[in-house]
Amino acid sequence: MIGNRLPERTRSIVTDCLGLTTLLMALLSAWEVTSASLTDAVGSGAPMLIVLGSLLLGAILGSALHIERRLEGLAGAVQRRVHRGTGEGDGDGAQAHAERERFIEGWLTASLLFCVGPLTILGSLNDGLGRGIDQLALKSVLDGFAALAFASTFGIGVLLSAVSVAVVQGALTVVGVLLGSVLPEAHIAALTATGGLLLVAIALRLLRIREIPVGDLLPALVVAPLLTQLVVALR
């Protein structure tokens, strides 16, 4: 009803507000580098080096796997779906088929958009680790405004993407719960601090300051606890 009536200026200022909020959340997460549990486990000088090493190794691995490029390719496919979804049928039978196609396109397009991205992974993992739903709440606001735009094109089919989001983010949250029962507090602190810097990168993109390839940095979330364990073993 209102998605196609929001002026560009409104969408822009809302994005700026979300970018600033993301930056605040990022700083709070990155502050985990000073966690007492992490310092006790690896020493006072190692936490910053662990975060740096995680980002560097993660960036090398992510760029080698072309994660950002693959995500951009997926975004391009979504964009083509949006373009194709605006076509109209001719005739009653064709119109009914077009409506069904429009419904499916809306579901698939919105599902891809809302289920792929750093905030999906970071937010769900933090929720499962017991760190709160702040990042998922921020993501929901971002997705909400995007859903307005998609629904204005595809209609009610976009609503079905809620099921896809529940399955994907729910599964990632379960992974976070399992990690929380296995990983020591120091390893979780290293993961959280590293994820905080990824959130800084997302904030810079939302604020249109710098387009950092966040997708290529995602492997750092896996490297951080592994590198922490290596330092603990060598200490």
Protein backbone atom coordinates (compact mmCIF):
# COMPACT_ATOMS: atom_id res chain seq x y z
CA MET A 1 0.00 0.00 0.00
CA ILE A 2 2.77 2.48 0.84
CA GLY A 3 6.02 0.91 -0.36
CA ASN A 4 6.15 2.75 -3.66
CA ARG A 5 5.15 6.05 -2.05
CA LEU A 6 8.18 6.48 0.23
CA PRO A 7 10.35 9.30 -1.15
CA GLU A 8 14.01 8.64 -1.84
CA ARG A 9 15.03 11.22 0.76
CA THR A 10 13.17 9.31 3.47
CA ARG A 11 14.79 6.01 2.51
CA SER A 12 18.21 7.67 2.48
CA ILE A 13 17.95 9.25 5.93
CA VAL A 14 16.59 6.00 7.41
CA THR A 15 19.60 4.16 5.99
CA ASP A 16 21.91 6.76 7.56
CA CYS A 17 20.25 6.25 10.95
CA LEU A 18 20.64 2.49 10.65
CA GLY A 19 24.28 2.96 9.66
CA LEU A 20 24.98 5.03 12.78
CA THR A 21 23.19 2.48 14.96
CA THR A 22 25.20 -0.33 13.36
CA LEU A 23 28.39 1.59 14.11
CA LEU A 24 27.43 1.87 17.79
CA MET A 25 26.67 -1.85 17.99
CA ALA A 26 29.95 -2.59 16.21
CA LEU A 27 31.97 -0.63 18.75
CA LEU A 28 30.26 -2.42 21.64
CA SER A 29 31.02 -5.80 20.07
CA ALA A 30 34.61 -4.91 19.18
CA TRP A 31 35.19 -3.89 22.82
CA GLU A 32 35.13 -7.62 23.65
CA VAL A 33 38.79 -7.60 22.65
CA THR A 34 39.40 -6.30 26.17
CA SER A 35 37.42 -9.17 27.77
CA ALA A 36 39.02 -10.49 30.94
CA SER A 37 38.39 -14.10 29.88
CA LEU A 38 40.24 -13.55 26.59
CA THR A 39 43.14 -11.74 28.27
CA ASP A 40 43.48 -14.45 30.92
CA ALA A 41 43.52 -17.18 28.28
CA VAL A 42 45.99 -15.70 25.77
CA GLY A 43 47.81 -12.93 27.64
CA SER A 44 47.47 -9.16 27.61
CA GLY A 45 49.23 -8.58 24.29
CA ALA A 46 47.63 -11.29 22.19
CA PRO A 47 43.91 -10.34 21.83
CA MET A 48 44.53 -7.51 19.36
CA LEU A 49 46.90 -9.72 17.36
CA ILE A 50 44.32 -12.52 17.31
CA VAL A 51 41.69 -10.18 15.87
CA LEU A 52 44.15 -8.80 13.32
CA GLY A 53 45.32 -12.28 12.35
CA SER A 54 41.72 -13.48 12.04
CA LEU A 55 40.83 -10.64 9.70
CA LEU A 56 43.95 -11.08 7.58
CA LEU A 57 43.64 -14.85 7.26
CA GLY A 58 39.88 -14.58 6.77
CA ALA A 59 40.33 -11.95 4.07
CA ILE A 60 42.90 -14.09 2.23
CA LEU A 61 40.63 -17.14 2.38
CA GLY A 62 37.50 -15.16 1.48
CA SER A 63 39.12 -13.44 -1.48
CA ALA A 64 40.52 -16.77 -2.70
CA LEU A 65 37.00 -18.23 -2.57
CA HIS A 66 35.57 -15.06 -4.21
CA ILE A 67 32.79 -14.92 -1.61
CA GLU A 68 31.98 -11.26 -2.22
CA ARG A 69 31.86 -11.78 -5.98
CA ARG A 70 29.56 -14.77 -5.55
CA LEU A 71 27.26 -12.72 -3.32
CA GLU A 72 27.25 -9.93 -5.89
CA GLY A 73 26.34 -12.50 -8.54
CA LEU A 74 23.46 -13.65 -6.35
CA ALA A 75 22.37 -10.02 -5.93
CA GLY A 76 22.48 -9.64 -9.72
CA ALA A 77 20.23 -12.67 -10.09
CA VAL A 78 17.81 -11.10 -7.60
CA GLN A 79 17.84 -7.87 -9.58
CA ARG A 80 17.05 -9.74 -12.79
CA ARG A 81 14.15 -11.46 -11.00
CA VAL A 82 12.84 -8.08 -9.94
CA HIS A 83 13.07 -6.79 -13.49
CA ARG A 84 11.35 -9.87 -14.90
CA GLY A 85 8.70 -9.74 -12.19
CA THR A 86 7.46 -6.35 -13.38
CA GLY A 87 6.25 -7.82 -16.71
CA GLU A 88 2.52 -8.22 -17.35
CA GLY A 89 0.57 -11.03 -18.96
CA ASP A 90 -1.90 -10.69 -21.85
CA GLY A 91 -5.23 -12.45 -21.47
CA ASP A 92 -7.06 -14.17 -18.64
CA GLY A 93 -5.04 -17.43 -18.62
CA ALA A 94 -1.79 -15.58 -19.06
CA GLN A 95 -2.80 -13.13 -16.34
CA ALA A 96 -3.49 -15.95 -13.85
CA HIS A 97 -0.16 -17.53 -14.69
CA ALA A 98 1.55 -14.15 -14.31
CA GLU A 99 -0.01 -13.71 -10.86
CA ARG A 100 1.26 -17.10 -9.72
CA GLU A 101 4.67 -16.32 -11.15
CA ARG A 102 4.63 -12.95 -9.42
CA PHE A 103 3.84 -14.61 -6.09
CA ILE A 104 6.70 -17.12 -6.45
CA GLU A 105 9.11 -14.43 -7.64
CA GLY A 106 8.27 -12.30 -4.61
CA TRP A 107 8.87 -15.18 -2.23
CA LEU A 108 12.17 -16.29 -3.81
CA THR A 109 13.53 -12.80 -4.33
CA ALA A 110 12.80 -11.61 -0.80
CA SER A 111 14.07 -14.88 0.69
CA LEU A 112 17.39 -14.56 -1.12
CA LEU A 113 17.79 -10.95 -0.10
CA PHE A 114 16.90 -11.45 3.57
CA CYS A 115 18.75 -14.74 4.13
CA VAL A 116 22.09 -13.83 2.54
CA GLY A 117 24.38 -11.34 4.22
CA PRO A 118 26.78 -10.76 7.09
CA LEU A 119 24.10 -9.52 9.50
CA THR A 120 22.16 -12.75 9.04
CA ILE A 121 25.17 -14.77 10.18
CA LEU A 122 26.46 -12.37 12.83
CA GLY A 123 23.05 -11.66 14.33
CA SER A 124 21.91 -15.28 14.48
CA LEU A 125 25.20 -16.52 15.95
CA ASN A 126 25.18 -13.79 18.60
CA ASP A 127 21.61 -14.65 19.48
CA GLY A 128 22.53 -18.33 19.87
CA LEU A 129 25.61 -17.45 21.90
CA GLY A 130 23.43 -15.55 24.34
CA ARG A 131 24.73 -12.10 23.35
CA GLY A 132 21.26 -10.67 22.67
CA ILE A 133 19.16 -9.98 19.58
CA ASP A 134 20.37 -6.41 18.95
CA GLN A 135 21.90 -7.24 15.57
CA LEU A 136 18.86 -9.24 14.46
CA ALA A 137 16.61 -6.36 15.52
CA LEU A 138 18.66 -3.99 13.36
CA LYS A 139 18.51 -6.45 10.47
CA SER A 140 14.73 -6.68 10.84
CA VAL A 141 14.41 -2.92 10.39
CA LEU A 142 16.61 -3.01 7.29
CA ASP A 143 14.62 -5.95 5.90
CA GLY A 144 11.36 -4.22 6.76
CA PHE A 145 12.08 -1.23 4.55
CA ALA A 146 13.36 -3.50 1.79
CA ALA A 147 10.17 -5.57 2.09
CA LEU A 148 8.09 -2.43 1.51
CA ALA A 149 9.82 -1.88 -1.81
CA PHE A 150 9.60 -5.55 -2.87
CA ALA A 151 5.94 -5.87 -1.84
CA SER A 152 5.05 -2.84 -3.96
CA THR A 153 6.29 -4.86 -6.96
CA PHE A 154 5.52 -8.49 -6.09
CA GLY A 155 2.59 -8.22 -3.70
CA ILE A 156 1.80 -10.59 -0.84
CA GLY A 157 4.26 -13.26 -1.98
CA VAL A 158 6.97 -11.30 -0.19
CA LEU A 159 5.25 -12.17 3.10
CA LEU A 160 6.09 -15.85 2.60
CA SER A 161 9.79 -15.01 2.90
CA ALA A 162 9.19 -14.84 6.66
CA VAL A 163 9.17 -18.65 6.62
CA SER A 164 12.52 -18.78 4.81
CA VAL A 165 14.02 -16.27 7.22
CA ALA A 166 12.73 -18.25 10.21
CA VAL A 167 14.30 -21.47 8.91
CA VAL A 168 17.69 -19.99 7.93
CA GLN A 169 18.18 -17.67 10.91
CA GLY A 170 16.72 -20.27 13.24
CA ALA A 171 19.24 -22.86 12.01
CA LEU A 172 22.11 -20.38 12.45
CA THR A 173 20.89 -19.57 15.95
CA VAL A 174 20.94 -23.29 16.80
CA VAL A 175 24.54 -23.38 15.52
CA GLY A 176 25.29 -20.50 17.88
CA VAL A 177 23.73 -22.39 20.79
CA LEU A 178 25.84 -25.45 19.98
CA LEU A 179 28.99 -23.33 19.70
CA GLY A 180 28.19 -21.69 23.02
CA SER A 181 28.11 -25.09 24.70
CA VAL A 182 31.44 -26.09 23.14
CA LEU A 183 33.54 -22.95 22.85
CA PRO A 184 35.11 -21.42 25.98
CA GLU A 185 34.28 -17.83 26.87
CA ALA A 186 37.65 -16.59 25.56
CA HIS A 187 37.02 -18.04 22.09
CA ILE A 188 33.54 -16.50 21.98
CA ALA A 189 35.00 -13.11 22.99
CA ALA A 190 37.51 -13.30 20.11
CA LEU A 191 34.71 -14.21 17.69
CA THR A 192 32.54 -11.35 18.97
CA ALA A 193 35.35 -8.77 18.70
CA THR A 194 36.15 -9.89 15.16
CA GLY A 195 32.48 -9.76 14.25
CA GLY A 196 32.34 -6.24 15.67
CA LEU A 197 34.88 -5.07 13.12
CA LEU A 198 32.82 -6.69 10.37
CA LEU A 199 29.89 -4.65 11.65
CA VAL A 200 32.05 -1.52 11.34
CA ALA A 201 32.55 -2.42 7.68
CA ILE A 202 28.78 -2.83 7.24
CA ALA A 203 28.19 0.55 8.91
CA LEU A 204 30.66 2.23 6.53
CA ARG A 205 28.76 0.76 3.60
CA LEU A 206 25.40 1.89 4.95
CA LEU A 207 26.81 5.39 5.47
CA ARG A 208 28.22 5.32 1.92
CA ILE A 209 31.74 6.05 3.20
CA ARG A 210 33.58 3.02 1.80
CA GLU A 211 32.50 -0.18 0.06
CA ILE A 212 34.45 -2.78 2.06
CA PRO A 213 33.97 -6.35 0.72
CA VAL A 214 32.42 -7.73 3.91
CA GLY A 215 31.63 -11.05 2.27
CA ASP A 216 35.33 -11.78 1.79
CA LEU A 217 35.88 -11.17 5.52
CA LEU A 218 33.28 -13.70 6.72
CA PRO A 219 35.81 -16.56 7.09
CA ALA A 220 37.41 -14.49 9.87
CA LEU A 221 34.53 -15.61 12.11
CA VAL A 222 35.77 -19.19 11.78
CA VAL A 223 39.45 -18.28 12.04
CA ALA A 224 39.05 -16.26 15.28
CA PRO A 225 38.24 -19.14 17.68
CA LEU A 226 40.72 -21.43 15.92
CA LEU A 227 43.50 -18.86 16.24
CA THR A 228 42.59 -18.32 19.88
CA GLN A 229 42.88 -22.05 20.52
CA LEU A 230 46.28 -22.09 18.80
CA VAL A 231 47.57 -19.29 21.02
CA VAL A 232 46.22 -21.01 24.14
CA ALA A 233 47.92 -24.27 23.13
CA LEU A 234 51.26 -22.57 22.48
CA ARG A 235 51.18 -20.44 25.63
